[in-house]
Structure formats: structure tokens, C-alpha cells
């Protein structure tokens, strides 16, 4: 066993001298952050912040001080906080000198006061204009009730059909629909678990009967389902409890007897909650329409008729409305439409359609109408490749010829029977 040598007294004294020199230079990390220390909070809030507000020469500079402190209240880095504090004390010194009568600092702070006032006014006008734009956008997309309703269902009561429909109404219906699907899946899962527990209970009941030398008919339980299987399992559990009490057996059942109720309790509780949710859905579907909502719908329909009548009157007086432009774009004028053939009307309708594919695209290409994708109708019809088009045309002719030959052959075979 090795012996650790004892250091000499001069060596121990030298170590003590080195420790006394190095220990003051060692950095000590505080356990509490600086912004929670009273040594930082008290001078900053009571001396600096209140001093700036007290000696500020104007309301706008005082507003700027409050905004700067509010902006920098979440600074947690020591060097960043130190820079902001130095700038704050520099401001405080300038405010005090201006208050004592220094002309230079008074002129500088007066100019600074006017600059902040101008900037605040500019920002206020920007906010007013932005609010006006937002309000106009809100008015353009505000929901309008025209008198129609969303019929009651398991997901919603009678609701007004708003155009455009608010997102929260659609989200409510979708969420309830998905939740009902999840509840239905959970209901089926609980039902399968309950069946498994009943079969396990009947299996333990059969084991107990066979251990006592009694005949057991297990095959009949395989064809039972639902309430019949549950009643049979409850009767078997009651018999097991009675046998255990009478004969005082040391065997403890796991799924039957008194343990069966403990297994069934959480399943029955959750099934009752699911049933309550289903009853709420049914009551929502059968809910009586609110009388006030029905009256609002009738009034909205009357208002719509009034508005449409007024709009027609304005159109007759020569005003061009959005409905007028939409009607003009939908078809040619009446005096021109009367002179057009059905074929020309069909071509005109295809030209006015937004589609650029299929037959509409072919008609537009034939009439020389400008399209964003001129080759789209060829790609959809398979006519982009000339060789492929020729092959498809030959196949079509062969199929038509074969169909015609079979049709004639069937007529010749059917002729004797018709005579």
C-alpha cells in the first residue's frame, strides 16, 4: 500500500499565497439575474426613469422616454442593458442642464420635441388610413343575409345562410362532424372490448364449472351478441359469486364474479358519455327554429325584393350597375340575338366561357379568340401529335366499320324469325 507524502510547510504556505492572489480575480456568476436585483431595479426605476419623466421639457419627449423603456424592458444581456442605461443617464444630464438654463441644450431639445411631434402625427395618420382601408375591405366582404337558411342537422341548428359564409360557422360544422366520426369509432371499439370481456368472463365461468365436475355448454355463447350476451355473462358472474360465498373457495376470478363490475365500470361510463353526446346531436337536429330568426329571414327577403326593384328602376333610368355589366357580358344584345341562328348562339356561348380546353377551346381557336394557353385544347383532345391523331382516326374508322358489319349481320339473322 502506497503512502501519500505529507507536503512541506513551506509548500503549503506557498499554495495559500497563490490562492489569496488568484481568488479575487476569479469570476463569480451570480445566482440571480441582474434585472431581478434591487441594486439594478431601484436606481433604474426610481432615479433614472422617474428623473427622466420629471425633467423632460415636453410631453412628446416624455412619450419617447416611456416608449424606449417599454421597448428595452425585456433586455437580458448585461452589456446591452449597460449601453441603454448609459444613454439614459446621458439624456437625464441633458434634461437637467436644459432645465437649469443652458441655451444650447434647450434649442436641441426643442428641435427634438418638434421632430417627435411630427413623427407621431405622421404615424397617427398612417394608422387612420390603414384603419379606413381595413374597414372598407371588411365592408366588401361582410356577410349578407338574404333570407335563406341552413337546414338543421346533427351538426347545427337552424342557421342563417350568410354570403359569404363566415369561417367560424364552417369550422364549427366540420369540427362537430369529425368529432362525431371519432365518437362512433370509439363506440365500436368499446363494444368490441366489452364483447371480449364477456367472453373472458364466460371462459372463467366454464373453468370453474369444469373444475367442479359439472357439464358446461360453451358453444351456445358463441352465437350470442349484444344484450343477450351481456345478460348471460351477468348471470354467470352472479352464479360465480354465489358459489364462492357458499363453498368458500380460495380461487379469485379475474374477469368474472365481483371483478366483472370493475372491468365494466369505465366502459359503461364512457358509453354513457357517448350516448349523451348523441342525444345532444339529436336535440340539435330537432330543435325548434327561433321565432326571431324566422322573422329576420322574412324581412331579409322583403328587403331583397325592395332592393332588386330599386335596382331595376335605376337601370331603366340609365344607370349602369354591376348586374347590368354582368348581363351584357353573358349574351349579345337582344336585337342582335334575334337575328342569330342556333349554331351561332352556341358558338357565341362557347366564346364567352372561361374554359380554354375541349370543344370550347377548339371553337375559340377556330374563331381566332386570344387564349392564355392556345395549345391546351389540342393536348386534352389528343391532337397534339399528328401521327397519333392519324392513328386514332384509323382506329375509329375500323371500329365503326366493324360495328356496321355486325349490325347488318344481326339484321340478316333476325329476318327469318320476323317473318
Protein backbone atom coordinates (compact mmCIF):
# COMPACT_ATOMS: atom_id res chain seq x y z
CA UNK A 1 0.00 0.00 0.00
CA UNK A 2 1.45 3.33 -1.09
CA UNK A 3 1.86 6.13 1.46
CA UNK A 4 0.85 9.65 0.43
CA UNK A 5 3.67 12.05 1.41
CA UNK A 6 2.79 14.99 3.58
CA UNK A 7 3.60 18.37 1.88
CA UNK A 8 6.22 20.55 3.47
CA UNK A 9 5.13 23.61 5.50
CA UNK A 10 6.80 25.98 3.04
CA UNK A 11 4.89 24.37 0.13
CA UNK A 12 1.56 24.70 1.96
CA UNK A 13 2.27 28.36 2.73
CA UNK A 14 3.16 28.99 -0.93
CA UNK A 15 -0.13 27.46 -2.04
CA UNK A 16 -2.03 29.69 0.38
CA UNK A 17 -0.31 32.79 -1.01
CA UNK A 18 -1.15 31.77 -4.61
CA UNK A 19 -4.81 31.15 -3.67
CA UNK A 20 -5.07 34.56 -1.96
CA UNK A 21 -3.78 36.25 -5.14
CA UNK A 22 -5.96 34.30 -7.64
CA UNK A 23 -9.25 34.10 -5.71
CA UNK A 24 -10.19 37.83 -6.10
CA UNK A 25 -9.58 37.51 -9.87
CA UNK A 26 -11.94 34.56 -10.24
CA UNK A 27 -15.26 35.44 -11.88
CA UNK A 28 -18.26 34.70 -9.70
CA UNK A 29 -21.54 34.16 -11.53
CA UNK A 30 -24.49 35.46 -9.51
CA UNK A 31 -27.31 33.04 -8.85
CA UNK A 32 -29.94 35.73 -9.59
CA UNK A 33 -30.04 37.61 -12.94
CA UNK A 34 -29.14 41.27 -12.77
CA UNK A 35 -32.61 42.53 -13.75
CA UNK A 36 -34.07 40.97 -10.59
CA UNK A 37 -31.53 42.52 -8.22
CA UNK A 38 -32.58 45.52 -6.15
CA UNK A 39 -29.20 47.11 -6.88
CA UNK A 40 -30.33 47.40 -10.52
CA UNK A 41 -34.08 47.92 -10.23
CA UNK A 42 -34.17 50.67 -7.59
CA UNK A 43 -31.74 53.12 -9.28
CA UNK A 44 -33.19 52.42 -12.73
CA UNK A 45 -36.86 52.88 -11.83
CA UNK A 46 -36.70 55.43 -9.02
CA UNK A 47 -33.74 57.57 -10.10
CA UNK A 48 -33.37 57.23 -13.86
CA UNK A 49 -36.92 56.60 -15.14
CA UNK A 50 -38.69 59.00 -12.77
CA UNK A 51 -35.91 61.55 -13.20
CA UNK A 52 -36.31 61.49 -16.99
CA UNK A 53 -40.08 61.94 -16.72
CA UNK A 54 -39.70 64.72 -14.15
CA UNK A 55 -37.09 66.76 -16.05
CA UNK A 56 -38.40 66.12 -19.60
CA UNK A 57 -39.06 69.51 -21.26
CA UNK A 58 -42.16 68.42 -23.20
CA UNK A 59 -44.93 65.86 -23.48
CA UNK A 60 -43.56 64.36 -26.70
CA UNK A 61 -40.12 63.73 -25.17
CA UNK A 62 -41.85 62.22 -22.14
CA UNK A 63 -43.76 59.92 -24.51
CA UNK A 64 -40.46 58.94 -26.18
CA UNK A 65 -38.93 58.08 -22.80
CA UNK A 66 -41.85 55.82 -21.93
CA UNK A 67 -41.65 54.07 -25.32
CA UNK A 68 -37.89 53.46 -25.00
CA UNK A 69 -38.24 51.95 -21.52
CA UNK A 70 -41.13 49.79 -22.72
CA UNK A 71 -39.08 48.64 -25.73
CA UNK A 72 -35.99 47.74 -23.65
CA UNK A 73 -37.72 46.20 -20.64
CA UNK A 74 -37.03 42.68 -21.96
CA UNK A 75 -33.27 43.16 -22.49
CA UNK A 76 -31.50 40.40 -20.54
CA UNK A 77 -27.92 40.81 -21.73
CA UNK A 78 -25.78 42.77 -19.29
CA UNK A 79 -23.71 44.66 -21.88
CA UNK A 80 -26.84 45.65 -23.88
CA UNK A 81 -28.58 46.85 -20.72
CA UNK A 82 -25.44 48.80 -19.77
CA UNK A 83 -25.41 50.62 -23.13
CA UNK A 84 -29.08 51.62 -22.76
CA UNK A 85 -28.54 52.78 -19.16
CA UNK A 86 -25.57 54.93 -20.16
CA UNK A 87 -27.67 56.55 -22.87
CA UNK A 88 -30.48 57.12 -20.34
CA UNK A 89 -28.18 58.85 -17.86
CA UNK A 90 -26.81 60.97 -20.71
CA UNK A 91 -30.36 62.05 -21.52
CA UNK A 92 -31.02 62.81 -17.86
CA UNK A 93 -27.95 65.04 -17.70
CA UNK A 94 -29.07 66.89 -20.85
CA UNK A 95 -32.58 67.41 -19.44
CA UNK A 96 -31.17 68.80 -16.20
CA UNK A 97 -28.81 71.21 -17.97
CA UNK A 98 -31.63 72.46 -20.22
CA UNK A 99 -33.82 72.98 -17.16
CA UNK A 100 -31.01 74.94 -15.47
CA UNK A 101 -30.94 77.41 -18.40
CA UNK A 102 -28.41 76.06 -20.90
CA UNK A 103 -29.44 77.67 -24.24
CA UNK A 104 -27.74 75.07 -26.42
CA UNK A 105 -29.48 72.10 -24.80
CA UNK A 106 -32.78 73.98 -24.77
CA UNK A 107 -32.56 74.51 -28.55
CA UNK A 108 -31.59 70.86 -29.15
CA UNK A 109 -34.46 69.52 -27.02
CA UNK A 110 -36.93 71.97 -28.58
CA UNK A 111 -35.99 70.70 -32.04
CA UNK A 112 -36.20 67.11 -30.76
CA UNK A 113 -39.67 67.85 -29.33
CA UNK A 114 -40.91 69.12 -32.71
CA UNK A 115 -39.42 66.17 -34.55
CA UNK A 116 -41.14 63.65 -32.27
CA UNK A 117 -44.45 65.54 -32.60
CA UNK A 118 -44.19 65.44 -36.40
CA UNK A 119 -43.36 61.76 -36.39
CA UNK A 120 -46.24 60.98 -34.03
CA UNK A 121 -48.67 62.87 -36.24
CA UNK A 122 -47.40 61.06 -39.33
CA UNK A 123 -47.78 57.67 -37.60
CA UNK A 124 -51.27 58.59 -36.41
CA UNK A 125 -52.35 59.47 -39.96
CA UNK A 126 -50.90 56.19 -41.24
CA UNK A 127 -52.94 54.31 -38.65
CA UNK A 128 -56.10 56.22 -39.58
CA UNK A 129 -55.63 55.46 -43.28
CA UNK A 130 -54.89 51.80 -42.53
CA UNK A 131 -58.00 51.53 -40.37
CA UNK A 132 -60.07 53.11 -43.15
CA UNK A 133 -58.70 50.62 -45.70
CA UNK A 134 -59.35 47.71 -43.34
CA UNK A 135 -62.89 48.93 -42.73
CA UNK A 136 -63.56 49.18 -46.47
CA UNK A 137 -62.18 45.68 -47.01
CA UNK A 138 -64.37 44.43 -44.18
CA UNK A 139 -67.42 46.05 -45.75
CA UNK A 140 -66.64 44.47 -49.13
CA UNK A 141 -66.53 41.00 -47.61
CA UNK A 142 -69.14 41.45 -44.89
CA UNK A 143 -71.68 38.59 -44.61
CA UNK A 144 -75.12 39.35 -46.10
CA UNK A 145 -78.31 37.60 -45.01
CA UNK A 146 -80.67 37.19 -47.99
CA UNK A 147 -83.39 35.23 -46.21
CA UNK A 148 -82.31 31.62 -46.82
CA UNK A 149 -81.32 29.18 -44.07
CA UNK A 150 -79.00 26.26 -43.44
CA UNK A 151 -81.27 23.36 -42.54
CA UNK A 152 -80.86 21.82 -39.08
CA UNK A 153 -78.76 18.69 -38.87
CA UNK A 154 -76.82 16.70 -36.29
CA UNK A 155 -74.05 19.29 -36.60
CA UNK A 156 -76.03 22.53 -36.35
CA UNK A 157 -79.38 24.06 -35.50
CA UNK A 158 -81.25 26.26 -37.95
CA UNK A 159 -78.69 28.84 -39.10
CA UNK A 160 -78.94 31.84 -41.43
CA UNK A 161 -77.19 31.27 -44.74
CA UNK A 162 -74.76 34.17 -44.94
CA UNK A 163 -72.97 35.14 -48.16
CA UNK A 164 -70.03 34.80 -47.86
CA UNK A 165 -70.36 32.28 -45.06
CA UNK A 166 -68.12 33.13 -42.06
CA UNK A 167 -65.23 30.77 -41.48
CA UNK A 168 -66.19 30.06 -37.86
CA UNK A 169 -69.57 28.61 -38.93
CA UNK A 170 -67.95 26.26 -41.44
CA UNK A 171 -65.29 25.35 -38.88
CA UNK A 172 -67.93 24.58 -36.25
CA UNK A 173 -69.81 22.22 -38.58
CA UNK A 174 -66.63 20.46 -39.73
CA UNK A 175 -65.33 20.04 -36.17
CA UNK A 176 -68.61 18.56 -34.96
CA UNK A 177 -68.75 16.20 -37.93
CA UNK A 178 -65.23 14.93 -37.30
CA UNK A 179 -65.86 14.63 -33.56
CA UNK A 180 -68.98 12.53 -34.23
CA UNK A 181 -66.97 10.23 -36.50
CA UNK A 182 -64.35 9.82 -33.78
CA UNK A 183 -67.04 9.08 -31.20
CA UNK A 184 -68.59 6.50 -33.49
CA UNK A 185 -65.23 4.76 -33.95
CA UNK A 186 -64.66 4.84 -30.19
CA UNK A 187 -68.13 3.41 -29.64
CA UNK A 188 -67.34 0.45 -31.90
CA UNK A 189 -64.02 -0.06 -30.12
CA UNK A 190 -65.70 -0.04 -26.70
CA UNK A 191 -68.29 -2.51 -27.96
CA UNK A 192 -65.59 -4.92 -29.14
CA UNK A 193 -63.76 -4.58 -25.81
CA UNK A 194 -66.99 -5.31 -23.93
CA UNK A 195 -67.54 -8.44 -26.04
CA UNK A 196 -64.00 -9.62 -25.30
CA UNK A 197 -64.52 -9.09 -21.56
CA UNK A 198 -67.81 -11.03 -21.63
CA UNK A 199 -66.19 -13.95 -23.45
CA UNK A 200 -63.35 -13.96 -20.91
CA UNK A 201 -65.88 -13.90 -18.10
CA UNK A 202 -67.76 -16.85 -19.60
CA UNK A 203 -64.47 -18.70 -20.09
CA UNK A 204 -63.61 -18.36 -16.37
CA UNK A 205 -67.15 -19.44 -15.53
CA UNK A 206 -66.69 -22.55 -17.69
CA UNK A 207 -63.35 -23.30 -16.00
CA UNK A 208 -64.96 -23.12 -12.56
CA UNK A 209 -67.80 -25.41 -13.65
CA UNK A 210 -65.44 -27.94 -15.20
CA UNK A 211 -63.25 -27.92 -12.06
CA UNK A 212 -66.32 -28.85 -10.00
CA UNK A 213 -67.16 -31.68 -12.42
CA UNK A 214 -70.25 -30.06 -13.94
CA UNK A 215 -71.13 -30.05 -17.62
CA UNK A 216 -70.76 -26.72 -19.41
CA UNK A 217 -72.19 -25.71 -22.80
CA UNK A 218 -69.82 -23.11 -24.15
CA UNK A 219 -70.86 -23.31 -27.81
CA UNK A 220 -74.17 -21.53 -27.24
CA UNK A 221 -72.40 -18.33 -26.12
CA UNK A 222 -70.53 -18.08 -29.42
CA UNK A 223 -73.72 -17.20 -31.28
CA UNK A 224 -74.87 -14.61 -28.74
CA UNK A 225 -74.41 -10.90 -29.36
CA UNK A 226 -75.28 -7.61 -27.77
CA UNK A 227 -77.69 -7.58 -24.85
CA UNK A 228 -78.23 -11.36 -24.87
CA UNK A 229 -74.51 -11.99 -24.41
CA UNK A 230 -74.32 -9.35 -21.67
CA UNK A 231 -77.26 -10.84 -19.74
CA UNK A 232 -75.73 -14.32 -20.00
CA UNK A 233 -72.38 -13.01 -18.70
CA UNK A 234 -74.10 -11.21 -15.78
CA UNK A 235 -75.97 -14.36 -14.79
CA UNK A 236 -72.75 -16.37 -14.93
CA UNK A 237 -70.95 -13.77 -12.80
CA UNK A 238 -73.78 -13.92 -10.23
CA UNK A 239 -73.50 -17.70 -10.06
CA UNK A 240 -69.74 -17.44 -9.58
CA UNK A 241 -70.16 -15.00 -6.67
CA UNK A 242 -72.74 -17.27 -5.06
CA UNK A 243 -70.53 -20.36 -5.41
CA UNK A 244 -67.51 -18.58 -3.94
CA UNK A 245 -69.56 -17.47 -0.92
CA UNK A 246 -71.17 -20.84 -0.30
CA UNK A 247 -68.13 -23.07 -0.75
CA UNK A 248 -65.54 -20.52 0.39
CA UNK A 249 -63.09 -21.29 -2.39
CA UNK A 250 -59.62 -19.70 -2.36
CA UNK A 251 -59.71 -19.06 -6.10
CA UNK A 252 -60.00 -15.39 -7.09
CA UNK A 253 -61.57 -14.71 -10.50
CA UNK A 254 -60.03 -12.10 -12.78
CA UNK A 255 -62.83 -11.35 -15.29
CA UNK A 256 -65.96 -12.78 -13.69
CA UNK A 257 -67.68 -12.56 -10.34
CA UNK A 258 -67.19 -9.33 -8.43
CA UNK A 259 -64.28 -8.37 -10.74
CA UNK A 260 -66.65 -8.11 -13.70
CA UNK A 261 -68.24 -4.90 -12.45
CA UNK A 262 -64.82 -3.29 -12.04
CA UNK A 263 -63.99 -4.09 -15.67
CA UNK A 264 -67.37 -2.89 -16.93
CA UNK A 265 -67.50 0.37 -14.95
CA UNK A 266 -65.14 2.54 -17.13
CA UNK A 267 -66.62 1.13 -20.33
CA UNK A 268 -70.18 1.82 -19.23
CA UNK A 269 -69.24 5.30 -18.05
CA UNK A 270 -67.68 6.18 -21.41
CA UNK A 271 -70.60 4.65 -23.32
CA UNK A 272 -73.00 6.79 -21.29
CA UNK A 273 -70.97 9.90 -22.21
CA UNK A 274 -71.09 8.94 -25.90
CA UNK A 275 -74.83 8.38 -25.67
CA UNK A 276 -75.27 11.80 -24.07
CA UNK A 277 -73.32 13.37 -26.94
CA UNK A 278 -75.55 11.58 -29.45
CA UNK A 279 -78.67 12.81 -27.65
CA UNK A 280 -77.34 16.37 -27.84
CA UNK A 281 -76.84 15.94 -31.59
CA UNK A 282 -80.40 14.66 -31.97
CA UNK A 283 -81.81 17.52 -29.88
CA UNK A 284 -79.84 19.94 -32.06
CA UNK A 285 -81.46 18.40 -35.14
CA UNK A 286 -84.97 18.52 -33.62
CA UNK A 287 -84.62 22.00 -32.13
CA UNK A 288 -87.48 24.41 -32.79
CA UNK A 289 -86.49 27.25 -35.16
CA UNK A 290 -86.13 30.54 -33.26
CA UNK A 291 -89.05 32.83 -33.98
CA UNK A 292 -86.81 35.89 -34.14
CA UNK A 293 -84.55 34.28 -36.75
CA UNK A 294 -87.54 33.31 -38.91
CA UNK A 295 -88.85 36.89 -38.76
CA UNK A 296 -85.42 38.19 -39.73
CA UNK A 297 -85.40 35.84 -42.73
CA UNK A 298 -88.81 37.07 -43.90
CA UNK A 299 -87.73 40.68 -43.51
CA UNK A 300 -84.48 39.97 -45.41
CA UNK A 301 -86.50 38.52 -48.30
CA UNK A 302 -88.74 41.59 -48.40
CA UNK A 303 -85.68 43.85 -48.32
CA UNK A 304 -84.13 41.89 -51.18
CA UNK A 305 -87.25 42.35 -53.33
CA UNK A 306 -87.21 46.06 -52.50
CA UNK A 307 -83.52 46.37 -53.41
CA UNK A 308 -83.94 44.48 -56.69
CA UNK A 309 -86.93 46.64 -57.61
CA UNK A 310 -84.96 49.79 -56.90
CA UNK A 311 -82.03 48.42 -58.91
CA UNK A 312 -84.24 47.72 -61.93
CA UNK A 313 -85.65 51.24 -61.66
CA UNK A 314 -82.13 52.72 -61.65
CA UNK A 315 -81.21 50.63 -64.69
CA UNK A 316 -84.30 51.85 -66.56
CA UNK A 317 -83.30 55.42 -65.77
CA UNK A 318 -79.91 54.83 -67.48
CA UNK A 319 -77.59 53.88 -64.58
CA UNK A 320 -75.08 51.10 -65.34
CA UNK A 321 -74.74 48.74 -62.38
CA UNK A 322 -72.69 45.61 -61.80
CA UNK A 323 -75.72 43.48 -62.71
CA UNK A 324 -76.06 45.39 -65.98
CA UNK A 325 -72.44 44.68 -66.94
CA UNK A 326 -72.79 41.01 -65.98
CA UNK A 327 -75.91 40.67 -68.13
CA UNK A 328 -74.19 42.38 -71.06
CA UNK A 329 -71.24 40.02 -70.85
CA UNK A 330 -73.44 36.90 -70.73
CA UNK A 331 -75.02 37.23 -74.22
CA UNK A 332 -75.30 39.54 -77.24
CA UNK A 333 -77.84 42.37 -77.20
CA UNK A 334 -81.46 41.40 -77.77
CA UNK A 335 -81.79 42.95 -81.26
CA UNK A 336 -78.67 41.04 -82.42
CA UNK A 337 -79.59 37.79 -80.68
CA UNK A 338 -82.91 37.67 -82.53
CA UNK A 339 -81.08 37.54 -85.89
CA UNK A 340 -78.62 34.77 -84.87
CA UNK A 341 -79.10 31.08 -85.74
CA UNK A 342 -78.97 28.36 -83.03
CA UNK A 343 -75.50 27.41 -84.25
CA UNK A 344 -74.28 30.98 -83.92
CA UNK A 345 -75.78 31.25 -80.42
CA UNK A 346 -73.97 28.05 -79.40
CA UNK A 347 -70.66 29.35 -80.77
CA UNK A 348 -71.18 32.70 -79.04
CA UNK A 349 -71.80 30.98 -75.70
CA UNK A 350 -68.62 28.89 -76.10
CA UNK A 351 -66.59 32.01 -76.87
CA UNK A 352 -67.87 33.76 -73.73
CA UNK A 353 -66.99 30.79 -71.49
CA UNK A 354 -63.78 30.98 -69.42
CA UNK A 355 -62.75 27.45 -70.46
CA UNK A 356 -59.89 27.03 -72.93
CA UNK A 357 -59.99 23.25 -73.28
CA UNK A 358 -62.11 20.72 -75.10
CA UNK A 359 -64.78 21.85 -77.53
CA UNK A 360 -64.80 25.42 -76.17
CA UNK A 361 -61.06 25.73 -76.80
CA UNK A 362 -61.44 24.37 -80.33
CA UNK A 363 -64.20 26.88 -81.09
CA UNK A 364 -62.14 29.76 -79.71
CA UNK A 365 -59.10 28.68 -81.73
CA UNK A 366 -61.23 28.45 -84.88
CA UNK A 367 -62.70 31.91 -84.29
CA UNK A 368 -59.31 33.46 -83.50
CA UNK A 369 -60.05 34.35 -79.88
CA UNK A 370 -56.99 35.13 -77.74
CA UNK A 371 -56.28 32.40 -75.15
CA UNK A 372 -53.70 32.18 -72.36
CA UNK A 373 -52.91 28.54 -73.28
CA UNK A 374 -53.62 28.15 -77.01
CA UNK A 375 -52.44 24.52 -77.20
CA UNK A 376 -54.45 23.28 -74.22
CA UNK A 377 -57.45 22.07 -76.28
CA UNK A 378 -55.12 20.05 -78.53
CA UNK A 379 -53.41 18.33 -75.61
CA UNK A 380 -56.75 17.41 -74.00
CA UNK A 381 -58.16 16.02 -77.25
CA UNK A 382 -55.04 14.00 -78.11
CA UNK A 383 -54.45 16.09 -81.26
CA UNK A 384 -51.08 17.48 -80.32
CA UNK A 385 -49.27 14.77 -82.31
CA UNK A 386 -50.34 14.44 -85.95
CA UNK A 387 -49.21 10.80 -86.25
CA UNK A 388 -51.11 9.91 -83.10
CA UNK A 389 -54.19 11.72 -84.40
CA UNK A 390 -54.00 9.80 -87.67
CA UNK A 391 -53.64 6.50 -85.76
CA UNK A 392 -56.67 7.30 -83.60
CA UNK A 393 -58.71 8.27 -86.66
CA UNK A 394 -57.83 4.96 -88.39
CA UNK A 395 -58.80 3.04 -85.25
CA UNK A 396 -62.09 4.92 -85.09
CA UNK A 397 -62.88 4.07 -88.74
CA UNK A 398 -62.10 0.39 -88.16
CA UNK A 399 -64.31 0.25 -85.07
CA UNK A 400 -67.17 1.98 -86.89
CA UNK A 401 -66.85 -0.38 -89.88
CA UNK A 402 -66.84 -3.43 -87.60
CA UNK A 403 -69.89 -2.18 -85.71
CA UNK A 404 -71.73 -1.58 -89.00
CA UNK A 405 -70.85 -5.07 -90.24
CA UNK A 406 -72.11 -6.69 -87.03
CA UNK A 407 -75.28 -4.62 -87.17
CA UNK A 408 -76.03 -5.82 -90.73
CA UNK A 409 -75.20 -9.40 -89.81
CA UNK A 410 -77.58 -9.30 -86.85
CA UNK A 411 -80.35 -7.95 -89.10
CA UNK A 412 -79.86 -10.77 -91.62
CA UNK A 413 -80.02 -13.40 -88.85
CA UNK A 414 -83.12 -11.83 -87.33
CA UNK A 415 -85.02 -11.63 -90.67
CA UNK A 416 -86.37 -15.27 -90.80
CA UNK A 417 -87.76 -15.04 -87.26
CA UNK A 418 -89.54 -11.78 -88.06
CA UNK A 419 -91.31 -13.35 -90.99
